[in-house]
Every structure is written in structure tokens, then in C-alpha cells.
Amino acid sequence: MEFPELEAYFQNLTDITDRVAMMNNHFDATPEIDVPKLYDFFADIEGRTWETTEREYYELFTSYFTFHVKTVEEIIQEAREILNPENREHVKKLVSYVRKADDWFLALKKRRKLARQQVA
């Protein structure tokens, strides 16, 4: 499986995340479009076997991914402070997204550890 150049790959995710964050500040935000794009991108992340990558690449991926999840958590926190009722369902979807991402990442770390133990 081919793995992406991480800077460009995560720049795409950052662009989507930035558009999602607009729901907290802009009247012309489109979270009904942007949140599903976030899920679509995550489906691509889930579909890759990151546990088989070289250590440096994996660590860089981990850095980018954990930063992304933290950013989404901040978007959720800001949305909760603003309490815009129009965004309630989008915030719920983002909370679900973070849970799913955290669960997946924990499972990835376990799979990577097992894969490394089998090689040793």
C-alpha cells in the first residue's frame, strides 16, 4: 500500500477542519457539508495500515493526527461556549468523531505494538 506524503495529506485535513471551525464564527459556514467531509477523510485514514510504516513516518503521522484531534476538541469546546442551537447536531457529530478517532488510534497503537513484537 502506498502511503501519502504526510505534510500534503494532513494539509487537506487541516483545510477541512478549518472549514468545520467556521461554524463557530461565520454565518456563511457550511458544517452540514464540512463535517461529513471530515468523516470521509477519516475513513481514508482508517483504511490505511499505518502500523506497518517505518518508525519515523509513524511518529510523524502520530504527531499530525493527535494535533488534528486536539484541534477538533477545541472546536467542540468553543461551540459549547457559544451555544448556537443551530450547531447542536454538528457538535454531537464532532463529539462522536473524536470518540471514534480516539478509539481507532488506541487500537492502531495496539496493532503496531503487536506487529513490532511479531517482527522481533
C-alpha atoms as a PDB file:
ATOM      1  CA  MET A   1       0.000   0.000   0.000  1.00  0.00           C
ATOM      2  CA  GLU A   2       1.230   3.451  -0.879  1.00  0.00           C
ATOM      3  CA  PHE A   3       1.359   5.938   1.942  1.00  0.00           C
ATOM      4  CA  PRO A   4       0.827   9.655   1.378  1.00  0.00           C
ATOM      5  CA  GLU A   5       3.322  12.435   1.801  1.00  0.00           C
ATOM      6  CA  LEU A   6       2.175  13.464   5.258  1.00  0.00           C
ATOM      7  CA  GLU A   7       2.514  17.222   5.051  1.00  0.00           C
ATOM      8  CA  ALA A   8       0.270  17.475   1.985  1.00  0.00           C
ATOM      9  CA  TYR A   9      -2.082  14.773   3.275  1.00  0.00           C
ATOM     10  CA  PHE A  10      -2.650  16.497   6.586  1.00  0.00           C
ATOM     11  CA  GLN A  11      -2.871  19.907   4.927  1.00  0.00           C
ATOM     12  CA  ASN A  12      -6.005  18.613   3.214  1.00  0.00           C
ATOM     13  CA  LEU A  13      -7.341  17.528   6.610  1.00  0.00           C
ATOM     14  CA  THR A  14      -6.401  20.900   8.112  1.00  0.00           C
ATOM     15  CA  ASP A  15      -8.311  22.687   5.359  1.00  0.00           C
ATOM     16  CA  ILE A  16     -11.419  20.615   6.112  1.00  0.00           C
ATOM     17  CA  THR A  17     -11.005  21.156   9.859  1.00  0.00           C
ATOM     18  CA  ASP A  18     -10.644  24.905   9.353  1.00  0.00           C
ATOM     19  CA  ARG A  19     -13.908  24.948   7.408  1.00  0.00           C
ATOM     20  CA  VAL A  20     -15.612  22.990  10.207  1.00  0.00           C
ATOM     21  CA  ALA A  21     -14.305  25.528  12.744  1.00  0.00           C
ATOM     22  CA  MET A  22     -16.007  28.303  10.820  1.00  0.00           C
ATOM     23  CA  MET A  23     -19.328  27.147  12.277  1.00  0.00           C
ATOM     24  CA  ASN A  24     -18.315  28.923  15.484  1.00  0.00           C
ATOM     25  CA  ASN A  25     -17.669  32.326  13.889  1.00  0.00           C
ATOM     26  CA  HIS A  26     -19.202  32.747  10.441  1.00  0.00           C
ATOM     27  CA  PHE A  27     -22.761  32.973   9.280  1.00  0.00           C
ATOM     28  CA  ASP A  28     -21.826  31.519   5.890  1.00  0.00           C
ATOM     29  CA  ALA A  29     -20.272  28.364   7.403  1.00  0.00           C
ATOM     30  CA  THR A  30     -21.428  25.046   5.988  1.00  0.00           C
ATOM     31  CA  PRO A  31     -20.951  22.428   8.714  1.00  0.00           C
ATOM     32  CA  GLU A  32     -23.619  20.272   7.075  1.00  0.00           C
ATOM     33  CA  ILE A  33     -21.117  19.836   4.222  1.00  0.00           C
ATOM     34  CA  ASP A  34     -17.836  20.101   6.104  1.00  0.00           C
ATOM     35  CA  VAL A  35     -18.477  17.661   8.968  1.00  0.00           C
ATOM     36  CA  PRO A  36     -19.289  14.810   6.540  1.00  0.00           C
ATOM     37  CA  LYS A  37     -16.073  15.662   4.653  1.00  0.00           C
ATOM     38  CA  LEU A  38     -14.211  15.232   7.927  1.00  0.00           C
ATOM     39  CA  TYR A  39     -15.752  11.775   8.338  1.00  0.00           C
ATOM     40  CA  ASP A  40     -14.895  10.917   4.720  1.00  0.00           C
ATOM     41  CA  PHE A  41     -11.271  11.891   5.251  1.00  0.00           C
ATOM     42  CA  PHE A  42     -11.147   9.858   8.441  1.00  0.00           C
ATOM     43  CA  ALA A  43     -12.445   6.846   6.506  1.00  0.00           C
ATOM     44  CA  ASP A  44      -9.360   7.185   4.300  1.00  0.00           C
ATOM     45  CA  ILE A  45      -7.139   7.347   7.382  1.00  0.00           C
ATOM     46  CA  GLU A  46      -8.811   4.236   8.820  1.00  0.00           C
ATOM     47  CA  GLY A  47      -8.317   2.374   5.561  1.00  0.00           C
ATOM     48  CA  ARG A  48      -4.533   2.559   5.666  1.00  0.00           C
ATOM     49  CA  THR A  49      -2.225   0.184   7.509  1.00  0.00           C
ATOM     50  CA  TRP A  50      -0.254   2.791   9.432  1.00  0.00           C
ATOM     51  CA  GLU A  51       1.043   0.137  11.813  1.00  0.00           C
ATOM     52  CA  THR A  52       3.304  -1.218   9.057  1.00  0.00           C
ATOM     53  CA  THR A  53       5.116   2.057   8.366  1.00  0.00           C
ATOM     54  CA  GLU A  54       8.653   2.939   9.336  1.00  0.00           C
ATOM     55  CA  ARG A  55       9.126   4.361  12.820  1.00  0.00           C
ATOM     56  CA  GLU A  56       9.906   7.943  11.790  1.00  0.00           C
ATOM     57  CA  TYR A  57       6.966   8.067   9.399  1.00  0.00           C
ATOM     58  CA  TYR A  58       4.629   6.593  12.020  1.00  0.00           C
ATOM     59  CA  GLU A  59       5.788   9.085  14.640  1.00  0.00           C
ATOM     60  CA  LEU A  60       5.219  11.978  12.237  1.00  0.00           C
ATOM     61  CA  PHE A  61       1.774  10.590  11.393  1.00  0.00           C
ATOM     62  CA  THR A  62       1.045  10.302  15.130  1.00  0.00           C
ATOM     63  CA  SER A  63       2.068  13.907  15.674  1.00  0.00           C
ATOM     64  CA  TYR A  64      -0.141  15.199  12.869  1.00  0.00           C
ATOM     65  CA  PHE A  65      -3.086  13.019  13.838  1.00  0.00           C
ATOM     66  CA  THR A  66      -3.077  13.806  17.551  1.00  0.00           C
ATOM     67  CA  PHE A  67      -2.766  17.524  16.775  1.00  0.00           C
ATOM     68  CA  HIS A  68      -5.782  17.224  14.483  1.00  0.00           C
ATOM     69  CA  VAL A  69      -7.888  15.500  17.139  1.00  0.00           C
ATOM     70  CA  LYS A  70      -6.916  18.163  19.697  1.00  0.00           C
ATOM     71  CA  THR A  71      -7.972  20.850  17.223  1.00  0.00           C
ATOM     72  CA  VAL A  72     -11.393  19.232  16.792  1.00  0.00           C
ATOM     73  CA  GLU A  73     -11.728  19.032  20.580  1.00  0.00           C
ATOM     74  CA  GLU A  74     -11.056  22.794  20.734  1.00  0.00           C
ATOM     75  CA  ILE A  75     -13.718  23.420  18.080  1.00  0.00           C
ATOM     76  CA  ILE A  76     -16.181  21.433  20.213  1.00  0.00           C
ATOM     77  CA  GLN A  77     -15.237  23.374  23.343  1.00  0.00           C
ATOM     78  CA  GLU A  78     -15.689  26.697  21.582  1.00  0.00           C
ATOM     79  CA  ALA A  79     -19.040  25.578  20.161  1.00  0.00           C
ATOM     80  CA  ARG A  80     -20.212  24.598  23.634  1.00  0.00           C
ATOM     81  CA  GLU A  81     -19.278  28.040  24.947  1.00  0.00           C
ATOM     82  CA  ILE A  82     -21.140  29.781  22.128  1.00  0.00           C
ATOM     83  CA  LEU A  83     -24.231  27.567  22.469  1.00  0.00           C
ATOM     84  CA  ASN A  84     -25.596  28.177  18.986  1.00  0.00           C
ATOM     85  CA  PRO A  85     -28.654  25.901  18.798  1.00  0.00           C
ATOM     86  CA  GLU A  86     -28.258  25.610  15.023  1.00  0.00           C
ATOM     87  CA  ASN A  87     -24.942  23.828  15.559  1.00  0.00           C
ATOM     88  CA  ARG A  88     -26.126  21.364  18.202  1.00  0.00           C
ATOM     89  CA  GLU A  89     -26.332  18.364  15.837  1.00  0.00           C
ATOM     90  CA  HIS A  90     -22.999  19.232  14.241  1.00  0.00           C
ATOM     91  CA  VAL A  91     -21.344  19.413  17.656  1.00  0.00           C
ATOM     92  CA  LYS A  92     -22.792  15.998  18.536  1.00  0.00           C
ATOM     93  CA  LYS A  93     -21.313  14.613  15.321  1.00  0.00           C
ATOM     94  CA  LEU A  94     -17.940  16.151  16.168  1.00  0.00           C
ATOM     95  CA  VAL A  95     -18.023  14.612  19.645  1.00  0.00           C
ATOM     96  CA  SER A  96     -18.772  11.252  18.045  1.00  0.00           C
ATOM     97  CA  TYR A  97     -15.950  11.844  15.570  1.00  0.00           C
ATOM     98  CA  VAL A  98     -13.432  12.479  18.362  1.00  0.00           C
ATOM     99  CA  ARG A  99     -14.532   9.349  20.212  1.00  0.00           C
ATOM    100  CA  LYS A 100     -14.235   7.291  17.054  1.00  0.00           C
ATOM    101  CA  ALA A 101     -10.819   8.785  16.266  1.00  0.00           C
ATOM    102  CA  ASP A 102      -9.563   8.170  19.813  1.00  0.00           C
ATOM    103  CA  ASP A 103     -10.800   4.564  19.799  1.00  0.00           C
ATOM    104  CA  TRP A 104      -9.279   3.919  16.380  1.00  0.00           C
ATOM    105  CA  PHE A 105      -5.951   5.465  17.382  1.00  0.00           C
ATOM    106  CA  LEU A 106      -5.772   3.397  20.557  1.00  0.00           C
ATOM    107  CA  ALA A 107      -6.438   0.260  18.511  1.00  0.00           C
ATOM    108  CA  LEU A 108      -3.782   1.338  15.990  1.00  0.00           C
ATOM    109  CA  LYS A 109      -1.187   1.676  18.747  1.00  0.00           C
ATOM    110  CA  LYS A 110      -2.048  -1.828  19.955  1.00  0.00           C
ATOM    111  CA  ARG A 111      -1.844  -3.252  16.415  1.00  0.00           C
ATOM    112  CA  ARG A 112       1.505  -1.553  15.876  1.00  0.00           C
ATOM    113  CA  LYS A 113       2.856  -2.932  19.140  1.00  0.00           C
ATOM    114  CA  LEU A 114       1.731  -6.451  18.166  1.00  0.00           C
ATOM    115  CA  ALA A 115       3.184  -6.084  14.679  1.00  0.00           C
ATOM    116  CA  ARG A 116       6.533  -4.970  16.148  1.00  0.00           C
ATOM    117  CA  GLN A 117       6.541  -7.880  18.609  1.00  0.00           C
ATOM    118  CA  GLN A 118       5.936 -10.374  15.811  1.00  0.00           C
ATOM    119  CA  VAL A 119       8.868  -8.989  13.817  1.00  0.00           C
ATOM    120  CA  ALA A 120      11.224  -9.214  16.801  1.00  0.00           C
END
